[in-house]
PDB file of N, CA and C in Angstrom:
ATOM      1  N   MET A   1      60.472  71.736 137.548  1.00  0.00           N
ATOM      2  CA  MET A   1      60.978  72.384 136.422  1.00  0.00           C
ATOM      3  C   MET A   1      61.491  71.078 135.522  1.00  0.00           C
ATOM      4  N   ALA A   2      61.479  71.443 134.163  1.00  0.00           N
ATOM      5  CA  ALA A   2      62.009  70.430 133.365  1.00  0.00           C
ATOM      6  C   ALA A   2      63.400  70.452 133.235  1.00  0.00           C
ATOM      7  N   LYS A   3      64.087  69.206 132.889  1.00  0.00           N
ATOM      8  CA  LYS A   3      65.572  69.233 132.918  1.00  0.00           C
ATOM      9  C   LYS A   3      65.792  69.583 131.495  1.00  0.00           C
ATOM     10  N   LEU A   4      66.922  69.946 131.197  1.00  0.00           N
ATOM     11  CA  LEU A   4      67.688  70.591 129.973  1.00  0.00           C
ATOM     12  C   LEU A   4      68.428  69.368 129.360  1.00  0.00           C
ATOM     13  N   LYS A   5      68.599  69.324 127.855  1.00  0.00           N
ATOM     14  CA  LYS A   5      69.358  68.332 127.438  1.00  0.00           C
ATOM     15  C   LYS A   5      70.471  69.067 127.091  1.00  0.00           C
ATOM     16  N   PRO A   6      71.797  68.542 127.620  1.00  0.00           N
ATOM     17  CA  PRO A   6      73.084  69.273 127.332  1.00  0.00           C
ATOM     18  C   PRO A   6      73.400  69.318 125.982  1.00  0.00           C
ATOM     19  N   SER A   7      73.141  68.153 125.299  1.00  0.00           N
ATOM     20  CA  SER A   7      73.550  68.352 123.829  1.00  0.00           C
ATOM     21  C   SER A   7      72.769  69.545 123.082  1.00  0.00           C
ATOM     22  N   SER A   8      71.232  69.446 123.351  1.00  0.00           N
ATOM     23  CA  SER A   8      70.610  70.375 122.535  1.00  0.00           C
ATOM     24  C   SER A   8      70.982  71.988 123.125  1.00  0.00           C
ATOM     25  N   VAL A   9      71.043  72.119 124.219  1.00  0.00           N
ATOM     26  CA  VAL A   9      71.629  73.394 124.634  1.00  0.00           C
ATOM     27  C   VAL A   9      72.849  73.700 123.957  1.00  0.00           C
ATOM     28  N   GLY A  10      73.843  73.058 124.085  1.00  0.00           N
ATOM     29  CA  GLY A  10      75.081  73.140 123.703  1.00  0.00           C
ATOM     30  C   GLY A  10      75.343  73.580 122.224  1.00  0.00           C
ATOM     31  N   LEU A  11      74.396  72.734 121.444  1.00  0.00           N
ATOM     32  CA  LEU A  11      74.232  73.014 119.773  1.00  0.00           C
ATOM     33  C   LEU A  11      73.593  74.230 119.501  1.00  0.00           C
ATOM     34  N   ALA A  12      72.661  74.596 120.236  1.00  0.00           N
ATOM     35  CA  ALA A  12      71.904  75.880 120.080  1.00  0.00           C
ATOM     36  C   ALA A  12      72.754  77.101 120.275  1.00  0.00           C
ATOM     37  N   LEU A  13      73.490  77.169 121.282  1.00  0.00           N
ATOM     38  CA  LEU A  13      74.490  78.177 121.897  1.00  0.00           C
ATOM     39  C   LEU A  13      75.497  78.189 120.841  1.00  0.00           C
ATOM     40  N   GLY A  14      76.031  77.064 120.294  1.00  0.00           N
ATOM     41  CA  GLY A  14      77.272  77.199 119.463  1.00  0.00           C
ATOM     42  C   GLY A  14      76.891  77.673 117.899  1.00  0.00           C
ATOM     43  N   LEU A  15      75.640  77.085 117.515  1.00  0.00           N
ATOM     44  CA  LEU A  15      75.214  77.509 116.250  1.00  0.00           C
ATOM     45  C   LEU A  15      74.545  79.118 116.167  1.00  0.00           C
ATOM     46  N   PHE A  16      74.135  79.711 117.496  1.00  0.00           N
ATOM     47  CA  PHE A  16      73.800  80.954 117.559  1.00  0.00           C
ATOM     48  C   PHE A  16      75.154  81.708 117.337  1.00  0.00           C
ATOM     49  N   LEU A  17      76.052  81.529 118.165  1.00  0.00           N
ATOM     50  CA  LEU A  17      77.339  82.229 118.170  1.00  0.00           C
ATOM     51  C   LEU A  17      77.933  82.090 116.868  1.00  0.00           C
ATOM     52  N   ALA A  18      77.914  81.067 116.179  1.00  0.00           N
ATOM     53  CA  ALA A  18      78.273  80.888 114.734  1.00  0.00           C
ATOM     54  C   ALA A  18      77.713  81.531 113.849  1.00  0.00           C
ATOM     55  N   LEU A  19      76.470  81.814 113.994  1.00  0.00           N
ATOM     56  CA  LEU A  19      75.357  82.727 112.977  1.00  0.00           C
ATOM     57  C   LEU A  19      76.094  84.176 113.376  1.00  0.00           C
ATOM     58  N   ILE A  20      76.255  84.440 114.612  1.00  0.00           N
ATOM     59  CA  ILE A  20      76.509  85.843 114.958  1.00  0.00           C
ATOM     60  C   ILE A  20      78.138  86.140 114.454  1.00  0.00           C
ATOM     61  N   GLN A  21      78.891  85.109 114.194  1.00  0.00           N
ATOM     62  CA  GLN A  21      80.232  85.518 113.899  1.00  0.00           C
ATOM     63  C   GLN A  21      79.967  85.952 112.423  1.00  0.00           C
ATOM     64  N   ILE A  22      79.197  85.112 111.571  1.00  0.00           N
ATOM     65  CA  ILE A  22      79.098  85.130 110.246  1.00  0.00           C
ATOM     66  C   ILE A  22      78.511  86.460 109.736  1.00  0.00           C
ATOM     67  N   LEU A  23      77.396  86.918 110.659  1.00  0.00           N
ATOM     68  CA  LEU A  23      76.975  88.286 110.526  1.00  0.00           C
ATOM     69  C   LEU A  23      77.959  89.248 110.842  1.00  0.00           C
ATOM     70  N   ARG A  24      78.709  89.212 111.804  1.00  0.00           N
ATOM     71  CA  ARG A  24      79.659  90.454 112.416  1.00  0.00           C
ATOM     72  C   ARG A  24      80.638  90.076 111.167  1.00  0.00           C
ATOM     73  N   SER A  25      81.153  89.273 110.483  1.00  0.00           N
ATOM     74  CA  SER A  25      82.126  89.072 109.497  1.00  0.00           C
ATOM     75  C   SER A  25      81.664  89.806 108.137  1.00  0.00           C
ATOM     76  N   ILE A  26      80.296  89.556 108.037  1.00  0.00           N
ATOM     77  CA  ILE A  26      79.731  90.428 106.687  1.00  0.00           C
ATOM     78  C   ILE A  26      79.746  91.676 106.942  1.00  0.00           C
ATOM     79  N   VAL A  27      79.489  92.193 108.338  1.00  0.00           N
ATOM     80  CA  VAL A  27      79.076  93.792 108.399  1.00  0.00           C
ATOM     81  C   VAL A  27      80.524  94.279 108.397  1.00  0.00           C
ATOM     82  N   ALA A  28      81.583  93.730 108.979  1.00  0.00           N
ATOM     83  CA  ALA A  28      82.939  94.069 109.007  1.00  0.00           C
ATOM     84  C   ALA A  28      83.577  94.248 107.579  1.00  0.00           C
ATOM     85  N   TRP A  29      83.224  93.241 106.723  1.00  0.00           N
ATOM     86  CA  TRP A  29      83.570  93.189 105.337  1.00  0.00           C
ATOM     87  C   TRP A  29      83.133  94.329 104.581  1.00  0.00           C
ATOM     88  N   LEU A  30      81.640  94.466 104.639  1.00  0.00           N
ATOM     89  CA  LEU A  30      81.202  95.643 103.878  1.00  0.00           C
ATOM     90  C   LEU A  30      81.199  96.902 104.412  1.00  0.00           C
ATOM     91  N   PHE A  31      81.506  97.126 105.653  1.00  0.00           N
ATOM     92  CA  PHE A  31      81.492  98.529 106.079  1.00  0.00           C
ATOM     93  C   PHE A  31      82.637  98.454 107.266  1.00  0.00           C
ATOM     94  N   PRO A  32      83.759  98.515 107.020  1.00  0.00           N
ATOM     95  CA  PRO A  32      84.899  98.349 107.747  1.00  0.00           C
ATOM     96  C   PRO A  32      85.101  99.768 108.626  1.00  0.00           C
ATOM     97  N   ASN A  33      84.916 100.890 108.015  1.00  0.00           N
ATOM     98  CA  ASN A  33      84.826 102.151 108.456  1.00  0.00           C
ATOM     99  C   ASN A  33      83.864 102.302 109.496  1.00  0.00           C
ATOM    100  N   PHE A  34      82.813 102.172 109.385  1.00  0.00           N
ATOM    101  CA  PHE A  34      81.734 101.948 110.239  1.00  0.00           C
ATOM    102  C   PHE A  34      81.974 101.292 111.482  1.00  0.00           C
ATOM    103  N   VAL A  35      82.343 100.101 111.504  1.00  0.00           N
ATOM    104  CA  VAL A  35      82.949  99.421 112.759  1.00  0.00           C
ATOM    105  C   VAL A  35      83.774 100.051 113.546  1.00  0.00           C
ATOM    106  N   ALA A  36      84.915 100.328 112.705  1.00  0.00           N
ATOM    107  CA  ALA A  36      85.931 101.324 113.372  1.00  0.00           C
ATOM    108  C   ALA A  36      85.396 102.552 114.134  1.00  0.00           C
ATOM    109  N   TYR A  37      84.345 103.137 113.567  1.00  0.00           N
ATOM    110  CA  TYR A  37      83.778 104.399 114.188  1.00  0.00           C
ATOM    111  C   TYR A  37      83.071 104.014 115.349  1.00  0.00           C
ATOM    112  N   ILE A  38      82.100 102.963 115.303  1.00  0.00           N
ATOM    113  CA  ILE A  38      81.369 102.467 116.369  1.00  0.00           C
ATOM    114  C   ILE A  38      82.206 102.125 117.593  1.00  0.00           C
ATOM    115  N   ILE A  39      83.349 101.336 117.186  1.00  0.00           N
ATOM    116  CA  ILE A  39      84.313 101.027 118.442  1.00  0.00           C
ATOM    117  C   ILE A  39      84.928 102.327 119.176  1.00  0.00           C
ATOM    118  N   LYS A  40      85.371 103.287 118.090  1.00  0.00           N
ATOM    119  CA  LYS A  40      85.864 104.449 118.757  1.00  0.00           C
ATOM    120  C   LYS A  40      84.765 105.237 119.637  1.00  0.00           C
ATOM    121  N   ASN A  41      83.651 105.080 119.155  1.00  0.00           N
ATOM    122  CA  ASN A  41      82.709 105.839 120.030  1.00  0.00           C
ATOM    123  C   ASN A  41      82.315 105.110 121.236  1.00  0.00           C
ATOM    124  N   LEU A  42      82.219 103.772 121.174  1.00  0.00           N
ATOM    125  CA  LEU A  42      82.053 103.234 122.569  1.00  0.00           C
ATOM    126  C   LEU A  42      83.047 103.191 123.436  1.00  0.00           C
ATOM    127  N   THR A  43      84.478 103.558 123.061  1.00  0.00           N
ATOM    128  CA  THR A  43      85.656 103.577 123.852  1.00  0.00           C
ATOM    129  C   THR A  43      85.811 105.313 124.303  1.00  0.00           C
ATOM    130  N   PHE A  44      84.950 106.107 123.599  1.00  0.00           N
ATOM    131  CA  PHE A  44      85.147 107.421 123.890  1.00  0.00           C
ATOM    132  C   PHE A  44      86.309 107.975 123.348  1.00  0.00           C
ATOM    133  N   ASN A  45      86.880 107.490 122.192  1.00  0.00           N
ATOM    134  CA  ASN A  45      87.988 107.705 121.399  1.00  0.00           C
ATOM    135  C   ASN A  45      89.170 107.401 122.404  1.00  0.00           C
ATOM    136  N   ALA A  46      89.200 106.458 123.200  1.00  0.00           N
ATOM    137  CA  ALA A  46      90.283 106.307 123.947  1.00  0.00           C
ATOM    138  C   ALA A  46      91.331 105.509 123.581  1.00  0.00           C
ATOM    139  N   ILE A  47      90.868 104.604 122.358  1.00  0.00           N
ATOM    140  CA  ILE A  47      91.662 103.827 121.659  1.00  0.00           C
ATOM    141  C   ILE A  47      91.765 104.335 120.285  1.00  0.00           C
ATOM    142  N   SER A  48      93.056 104.053 119.652  1.00  0.00           N
ATOM    143  CA  SER A  48      93.084 104.303 118.073  1.00  0.00           C
ATOM    144  C   SER A  48      92.885 103.040 117.382  1.00  0.00           C
ATOM    145  N   ILE A  49      92.062 102.726 116.645  1.00  0.00           N
ATOM    146  CA  ILE A  49      91.711 101.506 115.890  1.00  0.00           C
ATOM    147  C   ILE A  49      91.603 101.614 114.514  1.00  0.00           C
ATOM    148  N   GLN A  50      92.035 100.777 113.799  1.00  0.00           N
ATOM    149  CA  GLN A  50      92.171 100.711 112.276  1.00  0.00           C
ATOM    150  C   GLN A  50      90.963  99.731 111.935  1.00  0.00           C
ATOM    151  N   PRO A  51      90.295 100.351 110.712  1.00  0.00           N
ATOM    152  CA  PRO A  51      89.476  99.363 110.313  1.00  0.00           C
ATOM    153  C   PRO A  51      89.730  97.900 110.093  1.00  0.00           C
ATOM    154  N   PRO A  52      89.003  96.981 110.715  1.00  0.00           N
ATOM    155  CA  PRO A  52      89.292  95.661 110.645  1.00  0.00           C
ATOM    156  C   PRO A  52      89.429  94.965 109.495  1.00  0.00           C
ATOM    157  N   VAL A  53      90.328  94.069 109.235  1.00  0.00           N
ATOM    158  CA  VAL A  53      90.531  93.366 108.040  1.00  0.00           C
ATOM    159  C   VAL A  53      89.954  91.881 108.197  1.00  0.00           C
ATOM    160  N   VAL A  54      89.003  91.524 107.247  1.00  0.00           N
ATOM    161  CA  VAL A  54      88.536  89.955 107.411  1.00  0.00           C
ATOM    162  C   VAL A  54      89.002  89.059 106.407  1.00  0.00           C
ATOM    163  N   THR A  55      89.912  88.227 106.744  1.00  0.00           N
ATOM    164  CA  THR A  55      90.324  87.288 105.894  1.00  0.00           C
ATOM    165  C   THR A  55      89.901  85.909 106.205  1.00  0.00           C
ATOM    166  N   VAL A  56      90.124  85.023 105.128  1.00  0.00           N
ATOM    167  CA  VAL A  56      89.227  83.893 105.298  1.00  0.00           C
ATOM    168  C   VAL A  56      89.816  82.836 106.561  1.00  0.00           C
ATOM    169  N   SER A  57      91.070  82.868 106.832  1.00  0.00           N
ATOM    170  CA  SER A  57      91.647  82.149 107.799  1.00  0.00           C
ATOM    171  C   SER A  57      90.974  82.750 109.293  1.00  0.00           C
ATOM    172  N   SER A  58      91.082  84.051 109.454  1.00  0.00           N
ATOM    173  CA  SER A  58      90.546  84.586 110.581  1.00  0.00           C
ATOM    174  C   SER A  58      89.050  84.414 110.833  1.00  0.00           C
ATOM    175  N   PHE A  59      88.429  84.188 109.747  1.00  0.00           N
ATOM    176  CA  PHE A  59      86.862  83.913 109.581  1.00  0.00           C
ATOM    177  C   PHE A  59      86.587  82.709 110.060  1.00  0.00           C
ATOM    178  N   ILE A  60      87.371  81.697 109.540  1.00  0.00           N
ATOM    179  CA  ILE A  60      87.007  80.234 109.758  1.00  0.00           C
ATOM    180  C   ILE A  60      87.688  79.846 111.344  1.00  0.00           C
ATOM    181  N   ILE A  61      88.610  80.448 111.672  1.00  0.00           N
ATOM    182  CA  ILE A  61      89.106  80.279 112.938  1.00  0.00           C
ATOM    183  C   ILE A  61      88.104  80.852 114.064  1.00  0.00           C
ATOM    184  N   GLY A  62      87.824  82.018 113.976  1.00  0.00           N
ATOM    185  CA  GLY A  62      86.657  82.646 114.752  1.00  0.00           C
ATOM    186  C   GLY A  62      85.254  81.779 114.595  1.00  0.00           C
ATOM    187  N   LEU A  63      84.972  81.165 113.610  1.00  0.00           N
ATOM    188  CA  LEU A  63      83.796  80.601 113.378  1.00  0.00           C
ATOM    189  C   LEU A  63      83.881  79.237 114.258  1.00  0.00           C
ATOM    190  N   VAL A  64      84.892  78.477 114.209  1.00  0.00           N
ATOM    191  CA  VAL A  64      85.332  77.312 114.950  1.00  0.00           C
ATOM    192  C   VAL A  64      85.343  77.414 116.416  1.00  0.00           C
ATOM    193  N   ALA A  65      86.088  78.673 116.751  1.00  0.00           N
ATOM    194  CA  ALA A  65      86.392  78.928 118.005  1.00  0.00           C
ATOM    195  C   ALA A  65      84.912  79.234 118.805  1.00  0.00           C
ATOM    196  N   LEU A  66      83.980  80.060 118.231  1.00  0.00           N
ATOM    197  CA  LEU A  66      82.905  80.387 118.802  1.00  0.00           C
ATOM    198  C   LEU A  66      82.090  79.207 118.829  1.00  0.00           C
ATOM    199  N   PHE A  67      82.020  78.281 117.635  1.00  0.00           N
ATOM    200  CA  PHE A  67      81.140  77.414 117.994  1.00  0.00           C
ATOM    201  C   PHE A  67      81.465  76.378 118.954  1.00  0.00           C
ATOM    202  N   ALA A  68      82.954  75.963 119.241  1.00  0.00           N
ATOM    203  CA  ALA A  68      83.177  75.160 120.112  1.00  0.00           C
ATOM    204  C   ALA A  68      82.942  75.668 121.486  1.00  0.00           C
ATOM    205  N   GLY A  69      83.367  76.802 121.666  1.00  0.00           N
ATOM    206  CA  GLY A  69      82.991  77.576 123.004  1.00  0.00           C
ATOM    207  C   GLY A  69      81.504  77.632 123.203  1.00  0.00           C
ATOM    208  N   GLY A  70      80.543  77.863 122.444  1.00  0.00           N
ATOM    209  CA  GLY A  70      79.473  77.761 122.749  1.00  0.00           C
ATOM    210  C   GLY A  70      78.650  76.422 123.098  1.00  0.00           C
ATOM    211  N   LEU A  71      79.454  75.421 122.333  1.00  0.00           N
ATOM    212  CA  LEU A  71      78.907  74.045 122.580  1.00  0.00           C
ATOM    213  C   LEU A  71      79.141  73.875 123.779  1.00  0.00           C
ATOM    214  N   ILE A  72      80.741  73.930 124.246  1.00  0.00           N
ATOM    215  CA  ILE A  72      81.092  73.564 125.436  1.00  0.00           C
ATOM    216  C   ILE A  72      80.350  74.404 126.627  1.00  0.00           C
ATOM    217  N   GLY A  73      80.142  75.487 126.520  1.00  0.00           N
ATOM    218  CA  GLY A  73      79.487  76.523 127.483  1.00  0.00           C
ATOM    219  C   GLY A  73      78.039  76.067 127.521  1.00  0.00           C
ATOM    220  N   GLY A  74      77.204  75.815 126.701  1.00  0.00           N
ATOM    221  CA  GLY A  74      76.062  75.140 126.673  1.00  0.00           C
ATOM    222  C   GLY A  74      75.877  73.866 127.290  1.00  0.00           C
ATOM    223  N   ILE A  75      76.803  73.069 127.030  1.00  0.00           N
ATOM    224  CA  ILE A  75      76.789  71.656 127.971  1.00  0.00           C
ATOM    225  C   ILE A  75      76.942  71.955 129.191  1.00  0.00           C
ATOM    226  N   ILE A  76      78.098  72.927 129.604  1.00  0.00           N
ATOM    227  CA  ILE A  76      78.428  72.902 130.950  1.00  0.00           C
ATOM    228  C   ILE A  76      77.044  73.719 131.792  1.00  0.00           C
ATOM    229  N   PHE A  77      76.561  74.637 131.167  1.00  0.00           N
ATOM    230  CA  PHE A  77      75.222  75.448 131.612  1.00  0.00           C
ATOM    231  C   PHE A  77      74.173  74.475 132.082  1.00  0.00           C
ATOM    232  N   ALA A  78      73.901  73.654 130.991  1.00  0.00           N
ATOM    233  CA  ALA A  78      72.529  72.686 131.109  1.00  0.00           C
ATOM    234  C   ALA A  78      72.942  71.712 132.371  1.00  0.00           C
ATOM    235  N   ARG A  79      74.063  71.088 132.372  1.00  0.00           N
ATOM    236  CA  ARG A  79      74.501  70.323 133.534  1.00  0.00           C
ATOM    237  C   ARG A  79      74.426  70.952 134.869  1.00  0.00           C
ATOM    238  N   VAL A  80      74.915  72.122 134.825  1.00  0.00           N
ATOM    239  CA  VAL A  80      74.827  72.790 136.218  1.00  0.00           C
ATOM    240  C   VAL A  80      73.384  73.243 136.651  1.00  0.00           C
ATOM    241  N   TYR A  81      72.684  73.667 135.371  1.00  0.00           N
ATOM    242  CA  TYR A  81      71.383  73.856 135.835  1.00  0.00           C
ATOM    243  C   TYR A  81      70.469  72.628 136.118  1.00  0.00           C
ATOM    244  N   ASN A  82      70.798  71.363 135.415  1.00  0.00           N
ATOM    245  CA  ASN A  82      69.975  70.387 135.880  1.00  0.00           C
ATOM    246  C   ASN A  82      70.336  69.928 137.322  1.00  0.00           C
ATOM    247  N   TRP A  83      71.683  70.177 137.766  1.00  0.00           N
ATOM    248  CA  TRP A  83      72.137  69.666 138.987  1.00  0.00           C
ATOM    249  C   TRP A  83      71.462  70.682 139.989  1.00  0.00           C
ATOM    250  N   ALA A  84      71.386  71.953 139.701  1.00  0.00           N
ATOM    251  CA  ALA A  84      70.869  73.125 140.726  1.00  0.00           C
ATOM    252  C   ALA A  84      69.527  72.824 140.797  1.00  0.00           C
ATOM    253  N   VAL A  85      68.618  72.436 139.828  1.00  0.00           N
ATOM    254  CA  VAL A  85      67.209  72.294 139.936  1.00  0.00           C
ATOM    255  C   VAL A  85      66.590  71.008 140.640  1.00  0.00           C
ATOM    256  N   LYS A  86      67.615  69.926 141.107  1.00  0.00           N
ATOM    257  CA  LYS A  86      67.093  68.827 141.637  1.00  0.00           C
ATOM    258  C   LYS A  86      66.349  69.155 142.840  1.00  0.00           C
TER     259      LYS A  86
END
């Protein structure tokens, strides 16, 4: 099997998670009550949740954290995969 390039896998996962964060923030900003409704239904009304508030700082912190986590996770995954395939 072909070896994976850790930097490529890390960047791909980091960018994917950043894109998901952007889409999630857009949906939460446009339809805050829908997001709260979905979460309540997923937990069978076990929790009381307010509609989310998307601020610029929370958006940027989430974007940076998800990109960094995806980058590091992708690099670790590729290295472990390459080691296991030997």
